[in-house]
Amino acid sequence: MGLANLGLSHEAETIYRTMLAEPTWGIADLATHLSLPERSVRKALDQLADLELLLPADSGDGWRAVPPGRGLATLLRHAEEEVVRRQQEIEATRSAIAMIASEYQARSQDGDGMIRLDGVEPVRRRLAELAARATKDCWSFSPGGAHRLDAMDASKPLNLSALERGVRLRCVYQEAYRNDPDTVAYAQWLTDRGGEIRTVPTVPMQLVVIDRSVALLPVSPIDSRLGAVEVHSPGVLAAICALFERVWHSATPLNEPAQRDDQGLTPQEAEILRLLAAGLTDDAISRKLDLSVRTVRRAIAGLHERLSAKSRFQAGVNAVRNRWI
């Protein structure tokens, strides 16, 4: 299996070994010697740089391989730490499942905890009931870009009634919604009537919170048609409300331009750069941010230009040097 368990592909491992043996070779030399296209060599170099197995050469031109006693030992330690972390996560998940199961059972016995709502219609009916009862707050996360017309039409009278009663409506949308005229029109309609809308590059999950006393979460983050879980547990609600407030305070108000950070990056550009550094492909970033692949590639090209980079590998190195990530 070689070093695959440390995150190295076969090509990356071969190139790393070759660079250790031939430290003066450049991309063209490696491609010729290993009978690989230069683009494959560059891709492998990107991977090696992400794993911190390459450093800029002392001469300032090209790259040198980190000695295996240091670089690979660090990767092995990280892999071991990851195994421990994953085991801890599994144990935490097991405890969470046990807690949810216990609270769900308690709910069925004494009206406290959680209730599962199967399917779209039961969720819509329950949302309508909760919205009609709201007295102070109604918060929501809306992932994805375009919203369904029928869902927006159904929510208008509920939201209008809540606003007229003095309920504070706060909604966090994914920035990609700006690409859909119908969703933009609905967002502006809601804002004009007193609702508050902010945007972030990625929304953690679909979520509705009413008066900080009940929340609806999707049964599946992938398919909302499966239904939702209605949460009443004070402990779980405290965590959900804290998450909402953290995202809300980092989000951009609807009619304000996105604020750039100290490096001049918009939130979306910073998120794309973070996802690039995490190794996601253009297609994966497109799906994550609900943007077209063309839009993602245009943004990446702009980042490359600002970083004076000709490849992802060089962009990553320059971004680290400039403290962009």
Protein backbone atom coordinates (compact mmCIF):
# COMPACT_ATOMS: atom_id res chain seq x y z
CA MET A 1 0.00 0.00 0.00
CA GLY A 2 3.04 2.32 0.19
CA LEU A 3 2.27 5.64 1.83
CA ALA A 4 -1.38 5.80 0.79
CA ASN A 5 -2.48 5.74 4.44
CA LEU A 6 -0.59 9.01 4.93
CA GLY A 7 -2.55 10.67 2.12
CA LEU A 8 -0.06 10.22 -0.73
CA SER A 9 -1.14 8.95 -4.13
CA HIS A 10 1.12 6.49 -5.93
CA GLU A 11 2.36 9.24 -8.29
CA ALA A 12 3.01 11.67 -5.44
CA GLU A 13 4.98 9.03 -3.54
CA THR A 14 7.03 8.18 -6.65
CA ILE A 15 7.81 11.85 -7.31
CA TYR A 16 8.71 12.43 -3.66
CA ARG A 17 11.14 9.50 -3.70
CA THR A 18 12.64 10.78 -6.97
CA MET A 19 13.07 14.30 -5.62
CA LEU A 20 14.89 12.91 -2.59
CA ALA A 21 17.27 11.08 -4.92
CA GLU A 22 17.58 13.93 -7.44
CA PRO A 23 17.13 17.17 -5.49
CA THR A 24 18.11 19.43 -8.44
CA TRP A 25 15.49 18.15 -10.85
CA GLY A 26 12.62 20.36 -11.92
CA ILE A 27 9.16 19.57 -13.29
CA ALA A 28 10.37 18.83 -16.80
CA ASP A 29 13.10 16.46 -15.50
CA LEU A 30 10.63 14.60 -13.31
CA ALA A 31 8.10 14.31 -16.12
CA THR A 32 10.69 12.94 -18.55
CA HIS A 33 12.26 10.51 -16.10
CA LEU A 34 8.94 9.12 -14.86
CA SER A 35 7.18 9.23 -18.26
CA LEU A 36 4.39 11.39 -16.85
CA PRO A 37 2.58 14.42 -18.29
CA GLU A 38 3.73 17.67 -16.69
CA ARG A 39 0.18 18.33 -15.48
CA SER A 40 0.32 15.06 -13.49
CA VAL A 41 3.63 16.11 -11.99
CA ARG A 42 2.20 19.51 -11.02
CA LYS A 43 -0.85 17.85 -9.46
CA ALA A 44 1.40 15.56 -7.42
CA LEU A 45 3.53 18.52 -6.35
CA ASP A 46 0.37 20.27 -5.18
CA GLN A 47 -0.47 17.24 -3.06
CA LEU A 48 3.06 17.05 -1.63
CA ALA A 49 2.96 20.74 -0.77
CA ASP A 50 -0.42 20.33 0.95
CA LEU A 51 1.14 17.58 3.05
CA GLU A 52 4.14 19.82 3.82
CA LEU A 53 6.57 17.44 2.14
CA LEU A 54 7.94 20.22 -0.10
CA LEU A 55 9.58 23.53 0.70
CA PRO A 56 10.91 26.31 -1.55
CA ALA A 57 14.46 25.55 -2.62
CA ASP A 58 17.24 27.45 -0.84
CA SER A 59 18.15 29.04 -4.16
CA GLY A 60 14.66 30.51 -4.37
CA ASP A 61 13.98 28.68 -7.64
CA GLY A 62 11.91 25.50 -7.50
CA TRP A 63 11.28 23.18 -4.59
CA ARG A 64 13.06 20.68 -2.41
CA ALA A 65 11.75 17.58 -0.69
CA VAL A 66 11.55 17.62 3.10
CA PRO A 67 13.72 14.81 4.54
CA PRO A 68 11.58 11.74 5.26
CA GLY A 69 12.71 11.51 8.86
CA ARG A 70 10.99 14.83 9.44
CA GLY A 71 8.25 15.08 6.84
CA LEU A 72 6.92 11.51 6.88
CA ALA A 73 7.27 11.23 10.65
CA THR A 74 5.07 14.32 10.97
CA LEU A 75 2.50 12.81 8.61
CA LEU A 76 2.51 9.57 10.56
CA ARG A 77 1.95 11.45 13.79
CA HIS A 78 -0.92 13.37 12.20
CA ALA A 79 -2.41 10.10 10.95
CA GLU A 80 -2.19 8.60 14.43
CA GLU A 81 -3.78 11.72 15.91
CA GLU A 82 -6.52 11.50 13.28
CA VAL A 83 -7.25 7.90 14.29
CA VAL A 84 -7.56 8.99 17.92
CA ARG A 85 -9.71 11.96 16.94
CA ARG A 86 -12.00 9.81 14.81
CA GLN A 87 -12.36 7.33 17.66
CA GLN A 88 -13.29 10.18 19.99
CA GLU A 89 -15.82 11.43 17.43
CA ILE A 90 -17.31 7.95 17.15
CA GLU A 91 -17.66 7.79 20.92
CA ALA A 92 -19.19 11.28 20.98
CA THR A 93 -21.58 10.30 18.20
CA ARG A 94 -22.52 7.13 20.06
CA SER A 95 -23.28 9.23 23.16
CA ALA A 96 -25.26 11.74 21.10
CA ILE A 97 -27.31 8.95 19.52
CA ALA A 98 -28.01 7.53 22.93
CA MET A 99 -29.06 10.96 24.21
CA ILE A 100 -31.33 11.60 21.21
CA ALA A 101 -32.88 8.15 21.51
CA SER A 102 -33.46 8.72 25.22
CA GLU A 103 -34.98 12.16 24.68
CA TYR A 104 -37.16 10.89 21.83
CA GLN A 105 -38.45 8.15 24.12
CA ALA A 106 -39.05 10.70 26.86
CA ARG A 107 -40.95 12.87 24.39
CA SER A 108 -43.30 10.04 23.55
CA GLN A 109 -43.94 9.49 27.25
CA ASP A 110 -44.12 12.95 28.80
CA GLY A 111 -44.18 15.52 25.98
CA ASP A 112 -40.53 16.59 26.22
CA GLY A 113 -37.52 16.05 23.94
CA MET A 114 -37.89 15.39 20.21
CA ILE A 115 -40.48 14.39 17.65
CA ARG A 116 -39.85 13.06 14.17
CA LEU A 117 -41.95 14.47 11.34
CA ASP A 118 -41.89 12.23 8.26
CA GLY A 119 -42.29 13.80 4.84
CA VAL A 120 -42.71 17.32 3.47
CA GLU A 121 -46.37 17.99 4.28
CA PRO A 122 -46.19 17.20 8.03
CA VAL A 123 -43.19 19.54 8.27
CA ARG A 124 -45.03 22.34 6.45
CA ARG A 125 -48.07 21.95 8.66
CA ARG A 126 -45.96 22.00 11.79
CA LEU A 127 -44.03 25.07 10.61
CA ALA A 128 -47.32 26.86 10.00
CA GLU A 129 -48.49 25.98 13.53
CA LEU A 130 -45.23 27.13 15.12
CA ALA A 131 -45.09 30.34 13.06
CA ALA A 132 -48.64 31.20 14.12
CA ARG A 133 -47.62 30.78 17.78
CA ALA A 134 -44.36 32.75 17.59
CA THR A 135 -44.26 35.80 19.84
CA LYS A 136 -40.62 36.99 19.80
CA ASP A 137 -38.26 35.38 17.31
CA CYS A 138 -38.20 33.26 14.18
CA TRP A 139 -34.74 32.32 12.87
CA SER A 140 -33.81 30.22 9.87
CA PHE A 141 -30.89 28.85 7.88
CA SER A 142 -31.56 28.37 4.15
CA PRO A 143 -28.80 26.46 2.36
CA GLY A 144 -28.53 26.27 -1.41
CA GLY A 145 -29.24 28.84 -4.07
CA ALA A 146 -32.67 29.07 -5.68
CA HIS A 147 -35.63 28.46 -3.36
CA ARG A 148 -38.73 26.62 -4.53
CA LEU A 149 -41.49 28.95 -5.69
CA ASP A 150 -44.22 26.99 -3.93
CA ALA A 151 -42.29 27.11 -0.65
CA MET A 152 -41.74 30.88 -0.92
CA ASP A 153 -45.40 31.49 -1.79
CA ALA A 154 -46.54 29.35 1.14
CA SER A 155 -44.29 31.22 3.60
CA LYS A 156 -45.38 34.75 2.64
CA PRO A 157 -48.64 34.94 4.63
CA LEU A 158 -47.01 33.23 7.63
CA ASN A 159 -44.05 35.62 7.65
CA LEU A 160 -46.23 38.68 7.10
CA SER A 161 -48.51 37.72 9.98
CA ALA A 162 -45.51 37.16 12.28
CA LEU A 163 -43.96 40.52 11.37
CA GLU A 164 -47.26 42.29 12.04
CA ARG A 165 -47.29 40.73 15.53
CA GLY A 166 -43.82 42.13 16.20
CA VAL A 167 -41.91 38.87 15.74
CA ARG A 168 -38.28 39.42 14.72
CA LEU A 169 -37.54 37.39 11.57
CA ARG A 170 -33.87 36.66 10.93
CA CYS A 171 -32.86 34.54 7.93
CA VAL A 172 -29.40 33.40 6.80
CA TYR A 173 -29.22 32.56 3.09
CA GLN A 174 -26.39 31.08 1.07
CA GLU A 175 -24.80 33.74 -1.15
CA ALA A 176 -25.54 31.67 -4.25
CA TYR A 177 -29.23 32.64 -3.90
CA ARG A 178 -28.31 35.96 -5.57
CA ASN A 179 -28.10 34.07 -8.88
CA ASP A 180 -31.86 33.33 -8.84
CA PRO A 181 -34.13 36.32 -9.61
CA ASP A 182 -37.21 34.79 -7.92
CA THR A 183 -35.35 34.17 -4.66
CA VAL A 184 -33.80 37.64 -4.77
CA ALA A 185 -37.27 39.16 -5.27
CA TYR A 186 -38.66 37.19 -2.33
CA ALA A 187 -35.74 38.19 -0.10
CA GLN A 188 -36.28 41.85 -0.97
CA TRP A 189 -40.03 41.50 -0.36
CA LEU A 190 -39.35 40.12 3.11
CA THR A 191 -36.75 42.79 3.89
CA ASP A 192 -39.08 45.59 2.79
CA ARG A 193 -41.62 44.38 5.37
CA GLY A 194 -39.19 44.28 8.28
CA GLY A 195 -37.51 40.90 7.92
CA GLU A 196 -33.72 40.68 8.29
CA ILE A 197 -31.69 38.67 5.79
CA ARG A 198 -27.96 38.04 5.75
CA THR A 199 -25.79 35.84 3.57
CA VAL A 200 -22.76 33.57 4.03
CA PRO A 201 -20.81 31.50 1.48
CA THR A 202 -21.96 28.22 3.03
CA VAL A 203 -24.91 27.60 5.36
CA PRO A 204 -24.30 24.83 7.94
CA MET A 205 -27.71 23.15 7.60
CA GLN A 206 -31.41 23.78 7.09
CA LEU A 207 -32.88 25.08 10.34
CA VAL A 208 -35.86 26.92 11.85
CA VAL A 209 -35.94 28.17 15.45
CA ILE A 210 -39.09 29.60 17.06
CA ASP A 211 -38.85 31.74 20.23
CA ARG A 212 -35.68 29.86 21.22
CA SER A 213 -37.95 27.14 22.56
CA VAL A 214 -38.36 24.79 19.60
CA ALA A 215 -36.29 24.02 16.50
CA LEU A 216 -36.81 21.97 13.37
CA LEU A 217 -33.80 20.19 11.84
CA PRO A 218 -33.81 17.99 8.73
CA VAL A 219 -33.75 14.24 9.25
CA SER A 220 -31.25 14.10 6.37
CA PRO A 221 -29.00 17.03 5.35
CA ILE A 222 -29.00 15.59 1.81
CA ASP A 223 -32.74 15.11 1.25
CA SER A 224 -35.11 17.46 3.09
CA ARG A 225 -38.09 15.53 1.68
CA LEU A 226 -37.49 12.83 4.29
CA GLY A 227 -38.84 15.14 6.99
CA ALA A 228 -37.55 16.86 10.11
CA VAL A 229 -36.87 16.42 13.81
CA GLU A 230 -38.64 18.80 16.18
CA VAL A 231 -36.33 19.63 19.08
CA HIS A 232 -37.46 20.76 22.53
CA SER A 233 -34.47 19.71 24.64
CA PRO A 234 -33.05 22.82 26.41
CA GLY A 235 -29.47 21.59 26.09
CA VAL A 236 -29.72 20.91 22.35
CA LEU A 237 -31.59 24.18 21.79
CA ALA A 238 -28.86 26.14 23.58
CA ALA A 239 -26.27 24.72 21.18
CA ILE A 240 -28.48 25.40 18.13
CA CYS A 241 -29.10 29.02 19.19
CA ALA A 242 -25.38 29.58 19.81
CA LEU A 243 -24.62 28.26 16.33
CA PHE A 244 -27.19 30.56 14.76
CA GLU A 245 -25.87 33.64 16.56
CA ARG A 246 -22.28 32.87 15.55
CA VAL A 247 -23.21 32.49 11.88
CA TRP A 248 -25.51 35.54 11.98
CA HIS A 249 -22.81 37.86 13.31
CA SER A 250 -20.36 36.75 10.62
CA ALA A 251 -22.89 37.13 7.78
CA THR A 252 -23.39 40.03 5.35
CA PRO A 253 -26.68 42.02 5.45
CA LEU A 254 -28.77 41.66 2.30
CA ASN A 255 -28.37 45.13 0.84
CA GLU A 256 -24.78 45.72 1.92
CA PRO A 257 -21.69 44.80 -0.10
CA ALA A 258 -19.64 41.94 1.27
CA GLN A 259 -16.91 43.22 3.56
CA ARG A 260 -13.37 42.32 2.56
CA ASP A 261 -10.93 41.03 5.15
CA ASP A 262 -7.42 42.33 5.84
CA GLN A 263 -6.15 40.53 2.72
CA GLY A 264 -8.83 42.10 0.52
CA LEU A 265 -10.82 38.85 0.22
CA THR A 266 -14.60 38.70 0.19
CA PRO A 267 -16.17 35.97 2.37
CA GLN A 268 -16.83 33.90 -0.78
CA GLU A 269 -13.25 34.28 -2.02
CA ALA A 270 -11.91 33.33 1.41
CA GLU A 271 -14.15 30.25 1.46
CA ILE A 272 -13.03 29.21 -2.04
CA LEU A 273 -9.40 29.59 -0.99
CA ARG A 274 -10.05 27.54 2.16
CA LEU A 275 -11.71 24.78 0.14
CA LEU A 276 -8.85 24.83 -2.36
CA ALA A 277 -6.37 24.42 0.49
CA ALA A 278 -8.44 21.49 1.76
CA GLY A 279 -7.91 19.77 -1.59
CA LEU A 280 -11.41 20.08 -3.08
CA THR A 281 -11.75 20.02 -6.86
CA ASP A 282 -13.51 22.74 -8.85
CA ASP A 283 -16.58 20.50 -9.13
CA ALA A 284 -16.63 19.81 -5.38
CA ILE A 285 -16.32 23.52 -4.56
CA SER A 286 -19.12 24.23 -7.05
CA ARG A 287 -21.42 21.79 -5.25
CA LYS A 288 -20.40 23.01 -1.80
CA LEU A 289 -21.11 26.67 -2.58
CA ASP A 290 -23.98 25.98 -5.00
CA LEU A 291 -22.19 27.97 -7.70
CA SER A 292 -21.59 27.10 -11.33
CA VAL A 293 -18.25 25.50 -12.14
CA ARG A 294 -17.58 28.45 -14.45
CA THR A 295 -18.08 30.91 -11.60
CA VAL A 296 -15.78 28.91 -9.34
CA ARG A 297 -13.07 28.70 -12.00
CA ARG A 298 -13.33 32.42 -12.68
CA ALA A 299 -12.88 33.13 -8.97
CA ILE A 300 -9.91 30.74 -8.76
CA ALA A 301 -8.32 32.40 -11.79
CA GLY A 302 -8.71 35.77 -10.07
CA LEU A 303 -7.09 34.43 -6.90
CA HIS A 304 -4.21 32.98 -8.95
CA GLU A 305 -3.65 36.36 -10.56
CA ARG A 306 -3.66 38.21 -7.27
CA LEU A 307 -1.27 35.63 -5.81
CA SER A 308 0.98 35.76 -8.91
CA ALA A 309 0.54 31.98 -9.19
CA LYS A 310 0.46 29.75 -12.26
CA SER A 311 -0.80 26.61 -10.51
CA ARG A 312 -2.79 25.54 -7.47
CA PHE A 313 0.43 24.42 -5.85
CA GLN A 314 2.05 27.82 -6.27
CA ALA A 315 -1.17 29.57 -5.22
CA GLY A 316 -1.22 27.55 -2.01
CA VAL A 317 2.42 28.34 -1.25
CA ASN A 318 1.94 32.05 -1.95
CA ALA A 319 -1.29 32.18 0.07
CA VAL A 320 0.53 30.72 3.08
CA ARG A 321 3.43 33.13 2.59
CA ASN A 322 1.04 36.08 2.43
CA ARG A 323 -0.92 34.79 5.44
CA TRP A 324 -4.13 34.54 3.44
CA ILE A 325 -4.79 31.12 4.98
